Amino acid sequence: MTYDNADEVRGLARKHGFMAKPIPMKNTHHAAMTELVIGRDLAWMNGIDRVKLETTKTRSDG
């Protein structure tokens, strides 16, 4: 799923064991911004050039 790139959203993802990766997008006014892709395993996104490098794993293993 995708959602706003906000600290609160990242915190909720972390709390529930999800990963979050920012992706570039444009809003309806064509302004550049980022949104979060949230899921349990986002490894499938590693080969996508548009995905930003600063991947945030929101759950520590262990």
C-alpha atoms as a PDB file:
ATOM      1  CA  MET A   1       0.000   0.000   0.000  1.00  0.00           C
ATOM      2  CA  THR A   2       1.083   3.611  -0.275  1.00  0.00           C
ATOM      3  CA  TYR A   3       0.554   6.499   2.095  1.00  0.00           C
ATOM      4  CA  ASP A   4       1.890   9.931   3.034  1.00  0.00           C
ATOM      5  CA  ASN A   5       5.582  10.165   3.810  1.00  0.00           C
ATOM      6  CA  ALA A   6       5.172  11.364   7.398  1.00  0.00           C
ATOM      7  CA  ASP A   7       6.807  10.498  10.715  1.00  0.00           C
ATOM      8  CA  GLU A   8       3.471   9.362  12.150  1.00  0.00           C
ATOM      9  CA  VAL A   9       2.952   6.906   9.273  1.00  0.00           C
ATOM     10  CA  ARG A  10       6.506   5.575   9.618  1.00  0.00           C
ATOM     11  CA  GLY A  11       5.886   5.082  13.352  1.00  0.00           C
ATOM     12  CA  LEU A  12       2.674   3.138  12.742  1.00  0.00           C
ATOM     13  CA  ALA A  13       4.418   0.964  10.156  1.00  0.00           C
ATOM     14  CA  ARG A  14       7.252   0.259  12.610  1.00  0.00           C
ATOM     15  CA  LYS A  15       4.820  -0.513  15.439  1.00  0.00           C
ATOM     16  CA  HIS A  16       3.040  -3.145  13.327  1.00  0.00           C
ATOM     17  CA  GLY A  17       6.144  -4.769  11.801  1.00  0.00           C
ATOM     18  CA  PHE A  18       6.107  -3.285   8.307  1.00  0.00           C
ATOM     19  CA  MET A  19       8.848  -1.885   6.087  1.00  0.00           C
ATOM     20  CA  ALA A  20       8.507   1.505   4.372  1.00  0.00           C
ATOM     21  CA  LYS A  21      10.301   2.877   1.292  1.00  0.00           C
ATOM     22  CA  PRO A  22       9.907   6.397  -0.081  1.00  0.00           C
ATOM     23  CA  ILE A  23       9.072   6.667  -3.781  1.00  0.00           C
ATOM     24  CA  PRO A  24       9.003   9.820  -5.907  1.00  0.00           C
ATOM     25  CA  MET A  25       5.670  11.005  -7.264  1.00  0.00           C
ATOM     26  CA  LYS A  26       3.904  14.142  -8.435  1.00  0.00           C
ATOM     27  CA  ASN A  27       0.689  15.465  -7.002  1.00  0.00           C
ATOM     28  CA  THR A  28      -2.245  16.815  -8.995  1.00  0.00           C
ATOM     29  CA  HIS A  29      -0.453  20.175  -9.260  1.00  0.00           C
ATOM     30  CA  HIS A  30       2.655  18.435 -10.696  1.00  0.00           C
ATOM     31  CA  ALA A  31       4.731  19.224  -7.605  1.00  0.00           C
ATOM     32  CA  ALA A  32       7.442  16.646  -6.885  1.00  0.00           C
ATOM     33  CA  MET A  33       7.036  14.831  -3.566  1.00  0.00           C
ATOM     34  CA  THR A  34       7.491  11.401  -2.003  1.00  0.00           C
ATOM     35  CA  GLU A  35       5.041   8.821  -0.750  1.00  0.00           C
ATOM     36  CA  LEU A  36       5.702   5.661   1.249  1.00  0.00           C
ATOM     37  CA  VAL A  37       5.253   2.149  -0.042  1.00  0.00           C
ATOM     38  CA  ILE A  38       4.459   0.032   3.018  1.00  0.00           C
ATOM     39  CA  GLY A  39       4.580  -3.758   3.226  1.00  0.00           C
ATOM     40  CA  ARG A  40       6.042  -6.738   5.067  1.00  0.00           C
ATOM     41  CA  ASP A  41       8.693  -7.462   2.389  1.00  0.00           C
ATOM     42  CA  LEU A  42       9.710  -4.769  -0.092  1.00  0.00           C
ATOM     43  CA  ALA A  43      12.696  -6.641  -1.578  1.00  0.00           C
ATOM     44  CA  TRP A  44      10.874  -6.684  -4.939  1.00  0.00           C
ATOM     45  CA  MET A  45      11.474  -2.909  -5.135  1.00  0.00           C
ATOM     46  CA  ASN A  46      15.289  -3.167  -5.001  1.00  0.00           C
ATOM     47  CA  GLY A  47      15.717  -3.180  -8.790  1.00  0.00           C
ATOM     48  CA  ILE A  48      13.416  -0.225  -9.469  1.00  0.00           C
ATOM     49  CA  ASP A  49      15.431   2.871 -10.398  1.00  0.00           C
ATOM     50  CA  ARG A  50      12.763   5.328  -9.239  1.00  0.00           C
ATOM     51  CA  VAL A  51      12.893   4.059  -5.666  1.00  0.00           C
ATOM     52  CA  LYS A  52      15.015   6.294  -3.485  1.00  0.00           C
ATOM     53  CA  LEU A  53      18.138   4.802  -1.964  1.00  0.00           C
ATOM     54  CA  GLU A  54      17.284   5.734   1.598  1.00  0.00           C
ATOM     55  CA  THR A  55      15.244   2.624   2.349  1.00  0.00           C
ATOM     56  CA  THR A  56      13.937   2.574   5.885  1.00  0.00           C
ATOM     57  CA  LYS A  57      13.394  -0.796   7.467  1.00  0.00           C
ATOM     58  CA  THR A  58      10.877  -0.044  10.145  1.00  0.00           C
ATOM     59  CA  ARG A  59      11.143  -3.256  12.163  1.00  0.00           C
ATOM     60  CA  SER A  60      14.236  -4.734  13.697  1.00  0.00           C
ATOM     61  CA  ASP A  61      14.599  -8.474  13.269  1.00  0.00           C
ATOM     62  CA  GLY A  62      14.841 -10.344  16.504  1.00  0.00           C
END
